[in-house]
Amino acid sequence: MARDSRVTILIWDKNHELLDTPRPPFFVFDNEDRYRQKKMNKLEFIHTDEATYRTKSVKEKLPIVGTVTVQAIRNVKTEEELLHKLLLVIIAGCLFGAVCAIGGGYFLAGRALIPIKKAWDKQQKLVSDASHELRTPLSVIQAKTDLLFRSPSATIEDKSMDISAISKESRRLSKLVSQLLLLARSDSNQVELKKQSFQLDQLLQEIADHYGEIASYQGKNISLNASLPITFSANRERIHQLLVILLDNAMKHTGEGDQILLSAKEAASSIELMVKDNGPGIAESERERIFDRFYQSDKARTDAEGLGLGLSIAQWIIEKHNGKVKVESELGNGTAFIITFPK
């Protein structure tokens, strides 16, 4: 049987003297005591400046010589160096893994905090804007009420303007609180929309008839383009609210003689609604912000008064129905809100 060339056999006599062997171990002759093993049948390691040896000794009986100690000794320097390098690789890998884990954790934590920070900033802005909007009608109501108390003998006719202002601001305040409550509930997913099938064309006709009368008083015209019966599965109340918001927005931003178009068309897998007017239009720089809460477009181009919450609610209704909205507008050429819902 072939023997490992790195294994050297040493034979020691009963006096612990090294006997000659066919392969003289030259490295042993320099210091025999270092390589002389005292324990039998047990692996031991011998460390020198040049190498590390692993050794094991057993007792044997040989003819003529008698009882001897047979010692197998092997140079394990290569394995030791390999293990040392492997240890360095493991340590380096652990350090690299720790750095990657810390860096990755920090990065992922930052990414995870982005929506939380945005939600917090959005909430802070909502509270700030809402406080500002609530302060205005409350200040008017308080001021007008104080004026009424200063003239206790005055008649209702004398103070009709103050009473009218209080009534107007009270309605504005009530509308603002209702809208804020709806948006707050929508942010916390507390509003569940129950969907059922209804005739969308009939709903459009009802809204067009109602707003048509209001528009005629203002010298405007509302036209409807939805002749085919369209069955839509959605929350009828919220779709009605969406269309009213868009029509009300179009009414505010159009003048006497302007046209407003309300249309609906059905495709194989979608339903498209459109509210279009030929008003002053929206600047490109403002289109991305018109759905922000409390944002109002340049008031220099319109006399319309609003709270800046209607389009935010409209966007929420669209998203709750898995729809998408596209705004097409050009200064001086009107605006079109195009909403696409999956059937």
C-alpha atoms as a PDB file:
ATOM      1  CA  MET A   1       0.000   0.000   0.000  1.00  0.00           C
ATOM      2  CA  ALA A   2       1.338   3.415  -0.897  1.00  0.00           C
ATOM      3  CA  ARG A   3       2.282   5.542   2.089  1.00  0.00           C
ATOM      4  CA  ASP A   4       1.916   9.302   2.418  1.00  0.00           C
ATOM      5  CA  SER A   5       5.298  10.798   1.528  1.00  0.00           C
ATOM      6  CA  ARG A   6       4.800  13.474   4.176  1.00  0.00           C
ATOM      7  CA  VAL A   7       4.705  10.846   6.953  1.00  0.00           C
ATOM      8  CA  THR A   8       8.006   9.907   8.578  1.00  0.00           C
ATOM      9  CA  ILE A   9       8.364   6.813  10.788  1.00  0.00           C
ATOM     10  CA  LEU A  10      10.684   7.065  13.794  1.00  0.00           C
ATOM     11  CA  ILE A  11      11.660   4.035  15.863  1.00  0.00           C
ATOM     12  CA  TRP A  12      12.848   4.483  19.428  1.00  0.00           C
ATOM     13  CA  ASP A  13      14.415   1.690  21.482  1.00  0.00           C
ATOM     14  CA  LYS A  14      13.609   0.930  25.090  1.00  0.00           C
ATOM     15  CA  ASN A  15      16.212   3.491  26.192  1.00  0.00           C
ATOM     16  CA  HIS A  16      14.404   6.142  24.147  1.00  0.00           C
ATOM     17  CA  GLU A  17      17.255   6.333  21.678  1.00  0.00           C
ATOM     18  CA  LEU A  18      16.496   6.887  18.014  1.00  0.00           C
ATOM     19  CA  LEU A  19      17.282   3.918  15.783  1.00  0.00           C
ATOM     20  CA  ASP A  20      18.408   4.229  12.199  1.00  0.00           C
ATOM     21  CA  THR A  21      15.650   3.995   9.593  1.00  0.00           C
ATOM     22  CA  PRO A  22      15.721   3.599   5.815  1.00  0.00           C
ATOM     23  CA  ARG A  23      14.662   7.278   5.501  1.00  0.00           C
ATOM     24  CA  PRO A  24      16.693   9.194   8.055  1.00  0.00           C
ATOM     25  CA  PRO A  25      14.656  12.108   9.416  1.00  0.00           C
ATOM     26  CA  PHE A  26      17.279  14.836   9.157  1.00  0.00           C
ATOM     27  CA  PHE A  27      15.093  17.371  10.943  1.00  0.00           C
ATOM     28  CA  VAL A  28      15.011  15.157  14.072  1.00  0.00           C
ATOM     29  CA  PHE A  29      18.749  14.835  14.577  1.00  0.00           C
ATOM     30  CA  ASP A  30      19.094  18.509  15.518  1.00  0.00           C
ATOM     31  CA  ASN A  31      16.946  18.128  18.639  1.00  0.00           C
ATOM     32  CA  GLU A  32      15.762  14.605  19.411  1.00  0.00           C
ATOM     33  CA  ASP A  33      14.198  15.557  22.726  1.00  0.00           C
ATOM     34  CA  ARG A  34      11.748  17.868  20.971  1.00  0.00           C
ATOM     35  CA  TYR A  35      10.378  15.027  18.836  1.00  0.00           C
ATOM     36  CA  ARG A  36      10.458  12.292  21.477  1.00  0.00           C
ATOM     37  CA  GLN A  37       6.850  11.511  22.350  1.00  0.00           C
ATOM     38  CA  LYS A  38       6.066  10.576  25.937  1.00  0.00           C
ATOM     39  CA  LYS A  39       2.381   9.576  25.616  1.00  0.00           C
ATOM     40  CA  MET A  40       1.311   6.513  23.733  1.00  0.00           C
ATOM     41  CA  ASN A  41      -1.669   6.153  21.403  1.00  0.00           C
ATOM     42  CA  LYS A  42      -2.482   9.859  21.509  1.00  0.00           C
ATOM     43  CA  LEU A  43      -2.230  12.533  18.823  1.00  0.00           C
ATOM     44  CA  GLU A  44       0.070  15.401  19.722  1.00  0.00           C
ATOM     45  CA  PHE A  45       1.410  18.466  17.952  1.00  0.00           C
ATOM     46  CA  ILE A  46       5.035  19.554  17.848  1.00  0.00           C
ATOM     47  CA  HIS A  47       5.723  23.171  16.966  1.00  0.00           C
ATOM     48  CA  THR A  48       9.067  24.331  15.621  1.00  0.00           C
ATOM     49  CA  ASP A  49      10.271  27.493  13.968  1.00  0.00           C
ATOM     50  CA  GLU A  50      10.163  25.838  10.570  1.00  0.00           C
ATOM     51  CA  ALA A  51       6.987  23.762  10.734  1.00  0.00           C
ATOM     52  CA  THR A  52       4.254  22.100  12.783  1.00  0.00           C
ATOM     53  CA  TYR A  53       4.156  18.313  13.121  1.00  0.00           C
ATOM     54  CA  ARG A  54       1.416  15.944  14.153  1.00  0.00           C
ATOM     55  CA  THR A  55       2.593  12.750  15.782  1.00  0.00           C
ATOM     56  CA  LYS A  56       1.367   9.518  17.354  1.00  0.00           C
ATOM     57  CA  SER A  57       3.316   6.702  19.003  1.00  0.00           C
ATOM     58  CA  VAL A  58       2.603   3.019  19.696  1.00  0.00           C
ATOM     59  CA  LYS A  59       4.544   0.176  21.367  1.00  0.00           C
ATOM     60  CA  GLU A  60       5.631  -2.721  19.176  1.00  0.00           C
ATOM     61  CA  LYS A  61       7.760  -5.873  19.626  1.00  0.00           C
ATOM     62  CA  LEU A  62      10.395  -6.521  16.954  1.00  0.00           C
ATOM     63  CA  PRO A  63      12.603  -9.582  16.501  1.00  0.00           C
ATOM     64  CA  ILE A  64      16.089  -9.196  17.953  1.00  0.00           C
ATOM     65  CA  VAL A  65      15.542  -5.576  18.958  1.00  0.00           C
ATOM     66  CA  GLY A  66      12.703  -6.275  21.356  1.00  0.00           C
ATOM     67  CA  THR A  67      10.104  -3.725  22.466  1.00  0.00           C
ATOM     68  CA  VAL A  68      10.354  -0.429  20.603  1.00  0.00           C
ATOM     69  CA  THR A  69       8.286   2.706  20.192  1.00  0.00           C
ATOM     70  CA  VAL A  70       7.099   3.321  16.659  1.00  0.00           C
ATOM     71  CA  GLN A  71       6.299   6.995  16.082  1.00  0.00           C
ATOM     72  CA  ALA A  72       4.560   8.358  12.996  1.00  0.00           C
ATOM     73  CA  ILE A  73       5.237  12.041  12.424  1.00  0.00           C
ATOM     74  CA  ARG A  74       3.771  14.220   9.726  1.00  0.00           C
ATOM     75  CA  ASN A  75       4.451  17.791   8.654  1.00  0.00           C
ATOM     76  CA  VAL A  76       1.134  19.682   8.679  1.00  0.00           C
ATOM     77  CA  LYS A  77       2.538  23.104   7.849  1.00  0.00           C
ATOM     78  CA  THR A  78       0.590  23.246   4.553  1.00  0.00           C
ATOM     79  CA  GLU A  79      -2.710  22.470   6.270  1.00  0.00           C
ATOM     80  CA  GLU A  80      -1.927  24.979   9.018  1.00  0.00           C
ATOM     81  CA  GLU A  81      -1.250  27.718   6.482  1.00  0.00           C
ATOM     82  CA  LEU A  82      -4.396  26.801   4.589  1.00  0.00           C
ATOM     83  CA  LEU A  83      -6.478  26.935   7.770  1.00  0.00           C
ATOM     84  CA  HIS A  84      -4.895  30.239   8.688  1.00  0.00           C
ATOM     85  CA  LYS A  85      -5.804  31.692   5.296  1.00  0.00           C
ATOM     86  CA  LEU A  86      -9.306  30.224   5.588  1.00  0.00           C
ATOM     87  CA  LEU A  87      -9.666  31.855   9.011  1.00  0.00           C
ATOM     88  CA  LEU A  88      -8.620  35.197   7.546  1.00  0.00           C
ATOM     89  CA  VAL A  89     -11.146  34.753   4.719  1.00  0.00           C
ATOM     90  CA  ILE A  90     -13.901  33.899   7.221  1.00  0.00           C
ATOM     91  CA  ILE A  91     -13.048  36.918   9.394  1.00  0.00           C
ATOM     92  CA  ALA A  92     -12.920  39.198   6.353  1.00  0.00           C
ATOM     93  CA  GLY A  93     -16.197  37.729   5.097  1.00  0.00           C
ATOM     94  CA  CYS A  94     -17.847  38.258   8.484  1.00  0.00           C
ATOM     95  CA  LEU A  95     -16.630  41.851   8.601  1.00  0.00           C
ATOM     96  CA  PHE A  96     -17.795  42.456   5.039  1.00  0.00           C
ATOM     97  CA  GLY A  97     -21.132  40.803   5.795  1.00  0.00           C
ATOM     98  CA  ALA A  98     -21.538  42.916   8.935  1.00  0.00           C
ATOM     99  CA  VAL A  99     -20.777  46.107   7.007  1.00  0.00           C
ATOM    100  CA  CYS A 100     -23.213  45.093   4.251  1.00  0.00           C
ATOM    101  CA  ALA A 101     -25.867  44.169   6.816  1.00  0.00           C
ATOM    102  CA  ILE A 102     -25.483  47.488   8.651  1.00  0.00           C
ATOM    103  CA  GLY A 103     -25.390  49.482   5.416  1.00  0.00           C
ATOM    104  CA  GLY A 104     -28.276  47.523   3.915  1.00  0.00           C
ATOM    105  CA  GLY A 105     -30.299  47.837   7.099  1.00  0.00           C
ATOM    106  CA  TYR A 106     -29.695  51.566   7.207  1.00  0.00           C
ATOM    107  CA  PHE A 107     -30.629  51.901   3.528  1.00  0.00           C
ATOM    108  CA  LEU A 108     -33.770  49.762   3.839  1.00  0.00           C
ATOM    109  CA  ALA A 109     -34.768  51.545   7.024  1.00  0.00           C
ATOM    110  CA  GLY A 110     -34.411  54.845   5.191  1.00  0.00           C
ATOM    111  CA  ARG A 111     -36.490  53.537   2.299  1.00  0.00           C
ATOM    112  CA  ALA A 112     -39.126  52.215   4.695  1.00  0.00           C
ATOM    113  CA  LEU A 113     -39.295  55.560   6.475  1.00  0.00           C
ATOM    114  CA  ILE A 114     -39.837  57.541   3.252  1.00  0.00           C
ATOM    115  CA  PRO A 115     -43.610  56.828   2.980  1.00  0.00           C
ATOM    116  CA  ILE A 116     -43.953  57.323   6.740  1.00  0.00           C
ATOM    117  CA  LYS A 117     -42.185  60.675   6.527  1.00  0.00           C
ATOM    118  CA  LYS A 118     -44.278  61.694   3.525  1.00  0.00           C
ATOM    119  CA  ALA A 119     -47.455  60.705   5.362  1.00  0.00           C
ATOM    120  CA  TRP A 120     -46.322  62.645   8.425  1.00  0.00           C
ATOM    121  CA  ASP A 121     -45.445  65.729   6.371  1.00  0.00           C
ATOM    122  CA  LYS A 122     -48.756  65.430   4.555  1.00  0.00           C
ATOM    123  CA  GLN A 123     -50.616  65.161   7.849  1.00  0.00           C
ATOM    124  CA  GLN A 124     -48.753  68.152   9.281  1.00  0.00           C
ATOM    125  CA  LYS A 125     -49.544  70.219   6.198  1.00  0.00           C
ATOM    126  CA  LEU A 126     -53.189  69.153   6.333  1.00  0.00           C
ATOM    127  CA  VAL A 127     -53.470  70.216   9.974  1.00  0.00           C
ATOM    128  CA  SER A 128     -51.768  73.532   9.236  1.00  0.00           C
ATOM    129  CA  ASP A 129     -53.871  74.281   6.165  1.00  0.00           C
ATOM    130  CA  ALA A 130     -57.069  73.138   7.858  1.00  0.00           C
ATOM    131  CA  SER A 131     -56.367  75.390  10.848  1.00  0.00           C
ATOM    132  CA  HIS A 132     -55.872  78.312   8.510  1.00  0.00           C
ATOM    133  CA  GLU A 133     -59.043  77.598   6.549  1.00  0.00           C
ATOM    134  CA  LEU A 134     -61.106  77.081   9.712  1.00  0.00           C
ATOM    135  CA  ARG A 135     -59.840  80.316  11.225  1.00  0.00           C
ATOM    136  CA  THR A 136     -61.220  82.490   8.410  1.00  0.00           C
ATOM    137  CA  PRO A 137     -64.952  81.635   8.668  1.00  0.00           C
ATOM    138  CA  LEU A 138     -64.737  81.486  12.460  1.00  0.00           C
ATOM    139  CA  SER A 139     -63.244  84.972  12.563  1.00  0.00           C
ATOM    140  CA  VAL A 140     -66.024  86.326  10.316  1.00  0.00           C
ATOM    141  CA  ILE A 141     -68.741  84.642  12.395  1.00  0.00           C
ATOM    142  CA  GLN A 142     -67.233  85.946  15.633  1.00  0.00           C
ATOM    143  CA  ALA A 143     -66.844  89.502  14.301  1.00  0.00           C
ATOM    144  CA  LYS A 144     -70.376  89.648  12.885  1.00  0.00           C
ATOM    145  CA  THR A 145     -71.818  88.171  16.088  1.00  0.00           C
ATOM    146  CA  ASP A 146     -70.055  90.805  18.174  1.00  0.00           C
ATOM    147  CA  LEU A 147     -71.577  93.499  15.950  1.00  0.00           C
ATOM    148  CA  LEU A 148     -75.042  92.070  16.554  1.00  0.00           C
ATOM    149  CA  PHE A 149     -74.550  92.167  20.326  1.00  0.00           C
ATOM    150  CA  ARG A 150     -73.524  95.805  20.127  1.00  0.00           C
ATOM    151  CA  SER A 151     -76.930  96.710  18.674  1.00  0.00           C
ATOM    152  CA  PRO A 152     -79.457  94.685  20.690  1.00  0.00           C
ATOM    153  CA  SER A 153     -82.318  96.970  19.665  1.00  0.00           C
ATOM    154  CA  ALA A 154     -81.646  96.667  15.920  1.00  0.00           C
ATOM    155  CA  THR A 155     -84.110  94.762  13.768  1.00  0.00           C
ATOM    156  CA  ILE A 156     -83.342  91.750  11.592  1.00  0.00           C
ATOM    157  CA  GLU A 157     -83.787  93.944   8.547  1.00  0.00           C
ATOM    158  CA  ASP A 158     -81.172  96.367   9.851  1.00  0.00           C
ATOM    159  CA  LYS A 159     -78.658  93.587  10.384  1.00  0.00           C
ATOM    160  CA  SER A 160     -79.589  91.431   7.413  1.00  0.00           C
ATOM    161  CA  MET A 161     -76.130  91.821   5.835  1.00  0.00           C
ATOM    162  CA  ASP A 162     -74.378  90.640   9.011  1.00  0.00           C
ATOM    163  CA  ILE A 163     -76.785  87.732   9.442  1.00  0.00           C
ATOM    164  CA  SER A 164     -76.301  86.773   5.781  1.00  0.00           C
ATOM    165  CA  ALA A 165     -72.510  86.788   6.262  1.00  0.00           C
ATOM    166  CA  ILE A 166     -72.809  84.584   9.359  1.00  0.00           C
ATOM    167  CA  SER A 167     -75.072  82.153   7.465  1.00  0.00           C
ATOM    168  CA  LYS A 168     -72.715  82.053   4.470  1.00  0.00           C
ATOM    169  CA  GLU A 169     -69.617  81.432   6.591  1.00  0.00           C
ATOM    170  CA  SER A 170     -71.451  78.818   8.656  1.00  0.00           C
ATOM    171  CA  ARG A 171     -72.304  76.871   5.499  1.00  0.00           C
ATOM    172  CA  ARG A 172     -68.714  77.232   4.308  1.00  0.00           C
ATOM    173  CA  LEU A 173     -67.457  76.002   7.677  1.00  0.00           C
ATOM    174  CA  SER A 174     -69.849  73.049   7.649  1.00  0.00           C
ATOM    175  CA  LYS A 175     -68.747  72.072   4.153  1.00  0.00           C
ATOM    176  CA  LEU A 176     -65.087  72.330   5.117  1.00  0.00           C
ATOM    177  CA  VAL A 177     -65.533  70.165   8.209  1.00  0.00           C
ATOM    178  CA  SER A 178     -67.425  67.534   6.199  1.00  0.00           C
ATOM    179  CA  GLN A 179     -64.715  67.409   3.556  1.00  0.00           C
ATOM    180  CA  LEU A 180     -61.930  67.224   6.131  1.00  0.00           C
ATOM    181  CA  LEU A 181     -63.730  64.409   7.923  1.00  0.00           C
ATOM    182  CA  LEU A 182     -64.115  62.484   4.673  1.00  0.00           C
ATOM    183  CA  LEU A 183     -60.428  62.920   3.780  1.00  0.00           C
ATOM    184  CA  ALA A 184     -59.330  61.939   7.286  1.00  0.00           C
ATOM    185  CA  ARG A 185     -61.458  58.798   7.152  1.00  0.00           C
ATOM    186  CA  SER A 186     -60.175  57.995   3.668  1.00  0.00           C
ATOM    187  CA  ASP A 187     -56.551  58.280   4.862  1.00  0.00           C
ATOM    188  CA  SER A 188     -57.224  55.709   7.574  1.00  0.00           C
ATOM    189  CA  ASN A 189     -59.196  53.439   5.197  1.00  0.00           C
ATOM    190  CA  GLN A 190     -62.330  53.784   7.298  1.00  0.00           C
ATOM    191  CA  VAL A 191     -64.572  54.463   4.306  1.00  0.00           C
ATOM    192  CA  GLU A 192     -65.809  51.331   2.581  1.00  0.00           C
ATOM    193  CA  LEU A 193     -67.459  51.709  -0.812  1.00  0.00           C
ATOM    194  CA  LYS A 194     -70.273  49.280  -1.561  1.00  0.00           C
ATOM    195  CA  LYS A 195     -70.458  48.768  -5.299  1.00  0.00           C
ATOM    196  CA  GLN A 196     -73.506  47.757  -7.270  1.00  0.00           C
ATOM    197  CA  SER A 197     -74.635  47.965 -10.873  1.00  0.00           C
ATOM    198  CA  PHE A 198     -76.556  51.039 -12.013  1.00  0.00           C
ATOM    199  CA  GLN A 199     -77.265  52.927 -15.222  1.00  0.00           C
ATOM    200  CA  LEU A 200     -74.497  55.483 -15.588  1.00  0.00           C
ATOM    201  CA  ASP A 201     -76.226  57.284 -18.473  1.00  0.00           C
ATOM    202  CA  GLN A 202     -79.274  57.919 -16.282  1.00  0.00           C
ATOM    203  CA  LEU A 203     -77.089  59.366 -13.534  1.00  0.00           C
ATOM    204  CA  LEU A 204     -75.370  61.658 -16.029  1.00  0.00           C
ATOM    205  CA  GLN A 205     -78.749  62.813 -17.349  1.00  0.00           C
ATOM    206  CA  GLU A 206     -79.960  63.655 -13.828  1.00  0.00           C
ATOM    207  CA  ILE A 207     -76.811  65.673 -13.067  1.00  0.00           C
ATOM    208  CA  ALA A 208     -76.901  67.435 -16.438  1.00  0.00           C
ATOM    209  CA  ASP A 209     -80.562  68.403 -15.961  1.00  0.00           C
ATOM    210  CA  HIS A 210     -79.973  69.787 -12.482  1.00  0.00           C
ATOM    211  CA  TYR A 211     -76.814  71.697 -13.299  1.00  0.00           C
ATOM    212  CA  GLY A 212     -78.187  72.756 -16.666  1.00  0.00           C
ATOM    213  CA  GLU A 213     -80.713  74.978 -14.911  1.00  0.00           C
ATOM    214  CA  ILE A 214     -78.030  76.510 -12.685  1.00  0.00           C
ATOM    215  CA  ALA A 215     -75.741  77.046 -15.667  1.00  0.00           C
ATOM    216  CA  SER A 216     -78.514  78.755 -17.665  1.00  0.00           C
ATOM    217  CA  TYR A 217     -78.937  81.341 -14.890  1.00  0.00           C
ATOM    218  CA  GLN A 218     -75.223  82.139 -15.269  1.00  0.00           C
ATOM    219  CA  GLY A 219     -75.368  82.330 -19.060  1.00  0.00           C
ATOM    220  CA  LYS A 220     -73.515  79.058 -19.542  1.00  0.00           C
ATOM    221  CA  ASN A 221     -74.450  75.865 -21.330  1.00  0.00           C
ATOM    222  CA  ILE A 222     -74.017  72.239 -20.243  1.00  0.00           C
ATOM    223  CA  SER A 223     -74.300  69.552 -22.901  1.00  0.00           C
ATOM    224  CA  LEU A 224     -74.414  65.783 -22.431  1.00  0.00           C
ATOM    225  CA  ASN A 225     -73.028  63.118 -24.731  1.00  0.00           C
ATOM    226  CA  ALA A 226     -74.030  59.680 -23.409  1.00  0.00           C
ATOM    227  CA  SER A 227     -76.820  58.296 -25.557  1.00  0.00           C
ATOM    228  CA  LEU A 228     -76.185  54.565 -25.200  1.00  0.00           C
ATOM    229  CA  PRO A 229     -77.291  52.732 -22.057  1.00  0.00           C
ATOM    230  CA  ILE A 230     -74.161  52.228 -19.913  1.00  0.00           C
ATOM    231  CA  THR A 231     -74.238  49.791 -17.003  1.00  0.00           C
ATOM    232  CA  PHE A 232     -71.554  50.512 -14.434  1.00  0.00           C
ATOM    233  CA  SER A 233     -70.664  48.578 -11.259  1.00  0.00           C
ATOM    234  CA  ALA A 234     -69.566  51.166  -8.706  1.00  0.00           C
ATOM    235  CA  ASN A 235     -70.714  53.172  -5.708  1.00  0.00           C
ATOM    236  CA  ARG A 236     -73.411  55.369  -7.209  1.00  0.00           C
ATOM    237  CA  GLU A 237     -73.269  57.986  -4.459  1.00  0.00           C
ATOM    238  CA  ARG A 238     -69.513  58.516  -4.830  1.00  0.00           C
ATOM    239  CA  ILE A 239     -69.648  58.615  -8.635  1.00  0.00           C
ATOM    240  CA  HIS A 240     -72.399  61.234  -8.301  1.00  0.00           C
ATOM    241  CA  GLN A 241     -70.144  63.180  -5.895  1.00  0.00           C
ATOM    242  CA  LEU A 242     -67.209  62.896  -8.330  1.00  0.00           C
ATOM    243  CA  LEU A 243     -69.215  64.287 -11.251  1.00  0.00           C
ATOM    244  CA  VAL A 244     -70.649  67.094  -9.133  1.00  0.00           C
ATOM    245  CA  ILE A 245     -67.147  68.105  -8.005  1.00  0.00           C
ATOM    246  CA  LEU A 246     -65.867  68.196 -11.585  1.00  0.00           C
ATOM    247  CA  LEU A 247     -68.930  70.056 -12.874  1.00  0.00           C
ATOM    248  CA  ASP A 248     -68.785  72.510  -9.985  1.00  0.00           C
ATOM    249  CA  ASN A 249     -65.096  73.065 -10.735  1.00  0.00           C
ATOM    250  CA  ALA A 250     -65.915  73.706 -14.401  1.00  0.00           C
ATOM    251  CA  MET A 251     -68.713  76.104 -13.442  1.00  0.00           C
ATOM    252  CA  LYS A 252     -66.368  78.102 -11.227  1.00  0.00           C
ATOM    253  CA  HIS A 253     -63.759  78.502 -13.935  1.00  0.00           C
ATOM    254  CA  THR A 254     -66.001  79.465 -16.843  1.00  0.00           C
ATOM    255  CA  GLY A 255     -67.723  82.694 -17.685  1.00  0.00           C
ATOM    256  CA  GLU A 256     -70.898  83.795 -19.405  1.00  0.00           C
ATOM    257  CA  GLY A 257     -71.349  82.177 -22.807  1.00  0.00           C
ATOM    258  CA  ASP A 258     -68.893  79.334 -22.114  1.00  0.00           C
ATOM    259  CA  GLN A 259     -69.631  75.683 -22.853  1.00  0.00           C
ATOM    260  CA  ILE A 260     -69.298  72.646 -20.546  1.00  0.00           C
ATOM    261  CA  LEU A 261     -69.408  69.118 -21.950  1.00  0.00           C
ATOM    262  CA  LEU A 262     -70.233  66.039 -19.894  1.00  0.00           C
ATOM    263  CA  SER A 263     -69.667  62.797 -21.778  1.00  0.00           C
ATOM    264  CA  ALA A 264     -69.363  59.057 -21.236  1.00  0.00           C
ATOM    265  CA  LYS A 265     -68.398  56.229 -23.531  1.00  0.00           C
ATOM    266  CA  GLU A 266     -68.025  52.503 -23.066  1.00  0.00           C
ATOM    267  CA  ALA A 267     -65.263  50.294 -24.440  1.00  0.00           C
ATOM    268  CA  ALA A 268     -64.726  46.547 -24.244  1.00  0.00           C
ATOM    269  CA  SER A 269     -62.946  46.682 -20.873  1.00  0.00           C
ATOM    270  CA  SER A 270     -63.351  50.256 -19.636  1.00  0.00           C
ATOM    271  CA  ILE A 271     -65.693  53.187 -19.171  1.00  0.00           C
ATOM    272  CA  GLU A 272     -64.505  56.719 -19.833  1.00  0.00           C
ATOM    273  CA  LEU A 273     -66.001  59.858 -18.325  1.00  0.00           C
ATOM    274  CA  MET A 274     -65.064  63.367 -19.389  1.00  0.00           C
ATOM    275  CA  VAL A 275     -65.873  66.825 -18.090  1.00  0.00           C
ATOM    276  CA  LYS A 276     -64.618  69.492 -20.470  1.00  0.00           C
ATOM    277  CA  ASP A 277     -64.928  73.265 -20.486  1.00  0.00           C
ATOM    278  CA  ASN A 278     -63.603  76.132 -22.588  1.00  0.00           C
ATOM    279  CA  GLY A 279     -62.525  78.264 -19.638  1.00  0.00           C
ATOM    280  CA  PRO A 280     -59.132  79.911 -18.999  1.00  0.00           C
ATOM    281  CA  GLY A 281     -57.301  76.579 -18.681  1.00  0.00           C
ATOM    282  CA  ILE A 282     -54.605  75.484 -16.259  1.00  0.00           C
ATOM    283  CA  ALA A 283     -50.923  76.313 -16.586  1.00  0.00           C
ATOM    284  CA  GLU A 284     -48.629  73.309 -17.071  1.00  0.00           C
ATOM    285  CA  SER A 285     -46.740  74.161 -13.872  1.00  0.00           C
ATOM    286  CA  GLU A 286     -49.971  73.856 -11.857  1.00  0.00           C
ATOM    287  CA  ARG A 287     -51.393  70.641 -13.289  1.00  0.00           C
ATOM    288  CA  GLU A 288     -49.364  68.375 -11.012  1.00  0.00           C
ATOM    289  CA  ARG A 289     -50.621  70.208  -7.906  1.00  0.00           C
ATOM    290  CA  ILE A 290     -54.323  70.661  -8.602  1.00  0.00           C
ATOM    291  CA  PHE A 291     -55.147  67.447  -6.689  1.00  0.00           C
ATOM    292  CA  ASP A 292     -53.182  68.561  -3.621  1.00  0.00           C
ATOM    293  CA  ARG A 293     -55.262  69.420  -0.602  1.00  0.00           C
ATOM    294  CA  PHE A 294     -55.989  73.113  -0.119  1.00  0.00           C
ATOM    295  CA  TYR A 295     -54.174  73.958  -3.349  1.00  0.00           C
ATOM    296  CA  GLN A 296     -55.961  76.573  -5.437  1.00  0.00           C
ATOM    297  CA  SER A 297     -54.896  77.707  -8.886  1.00  0.00           C
ATOM    298  CA  ASP A 298     -53.935  81.254  -9.738  1.00  0.00           C
ATOM    299  CA  LYS A 299     -56.829  83.396  -8.504  1.00  0.00           C
ATOM    300  CA  ALA A 300     -55.832  86.163 -10.892  1.00  0.00           C
ATOM    301  CA  ARG A 301     -57.500  84.222 -13.727  1.00  0.00           C
ATOM    302  CA  THR A 302     -60.739  83.492 -11.895  1.00  0.00           C
ATOM    303  CA  ASP A 303     -63.087  84.945  -9.302  1.00  0.00           C
ATOM    304  CA  ALA A 304     -64.066  81.500  -8.058  1.00  0.00           C
ATOM    305  CA  GLU A 305     -63.964  80.798  -4.347  1.00  0.00           C
ATOM    306  CA  GLY A 306     -63.174  77.345  -3.079  1.00  0.00           C
ATOM    307  CA  LEU A 307     -61.524  75.385  -0.312  1.00  0.00           C
ATOM    308  CA  GLY A 308     -59.106  73.439  -2.478  1.00  0.00           C
ATOM    309  CA  LEU A 309     -60.410  70.067  -1.274  1.00  0.00           C
ATOM    310  CA  GLY A 310     -62.858  69.077  -4.022  1.00  0.00           C
ATOM    311  CA  LEU A 311     -60.312  67.668  -6.462  1.00  0.00           C
ATOM    312  CA  SER A 312     -58.538  65.823  -3.643  1.00  0.00           C
ATOM    313  CA  ILE A 313     -61.810  64.065  -2.844  1.00  0.00           C
ATOM    314  CA  ALA A 314     -62.378  63.422  -6.552  1.00  0.00           C
ATOM    315  CA  GLN A 315     -58.972  61.779  -6.850  1.00  0.00           C
ATOM    316  CA  TRP A 316     -59.725  59.593  -3.823  1.00  0.00           C
ATOM    317  CA  ILE A 317     -63.023  58.445  -5.374  1.00  0.00           C
ATOM    318  CA  ILE A 318     -61.250  57.619  -8.641  1.00  0.00           C
ATOM    319  CA  GLU A 319     -58.535  55.632  -6.860  1.00  0.00           C
ATOM    320  CA  LYS A 320     -61.084  53.716  -4.766  1.00  0.00           C
ATOM    321  CA  HIS A 321     -62.678  52.570  -8.033  1.00  0.00           C
ATOM    322  CA  ASN A 322     -59.273  51.604  -9.496  1.00  0.00           C
ATOM    323  CA  GLY A 323     -59.585  54.361 -12.074  1.00  0.00           C
ATOM    324  CA  LYS A 324     -57.116  56.783 -13.599  1.00  0.00           C
ATOM    325  CA  VAL A 325     -57.491  60.495 -14.304  1.00  0.00           C
ATOM    326  CA  LYS A 326     -55.828  62.547 -17.006  1.00  0.00           C
ATOM    327  CA  VAL A 327     -55.930  66.325 -17.221  1.00  0.00           C
ATOM    328  CA  GLU A 328     -55.665  68.000 -20.617  1.00  0.00           C
ATOM    329  CA  SER A 329     -55.499  71.763 -20.530  1.00  0.00           C
ATOM    330  CA  GLU A 330     -54.089  74.746 -22.375  1.00  0.00           C
ATOM    331  CA  LEU A 331     -54.137  78.343 -21.268  1.00  0.00           C
ATOM    332  CA  GLY A 332     -57.020  80.106 -22.971  1.00  0.00           C
ATOM    333  CA  ASN A 333     -58.446  76.888 -24.469  1.00  0.00           C
ATOM    334  CA  GLY A 334     -60.157  75.211 -21.537  1.00  0.00           C
ATOM    335  CA  THR A 335     -59.617  72.072 -19.482  1.00  0.00           C
ATOM    336  CA  ALA A 336     -60.701  68.441 -19.803  1.00  0.00           C
ATOM    337  CA  PHE A 337     -60.758  65.905 -16.975  1.00  0.00           C
ATOM    338  CA  ILE A 338     -60.739  62.410 -18.477  1.00  0.00           C
ATOM    339  CA  ILE A 339     -61.395  59.498 -16.096  1.00  0.00           C
ATOM    340  CA  THR A 340     -61.044  55.872 -17.112  1.00  0.00           C
ATOM    341  CA  PHE A 341     -62.593  53.113 -14.976  1.00  0.00           C
ATOM    342  CA  PRO A 342     -62.161  49.356 -15.530  1.00  0.00           C
ATOM    343  CA  LYS A 343     -65.489  47.648 -16.138  1.00  0.00           C
END
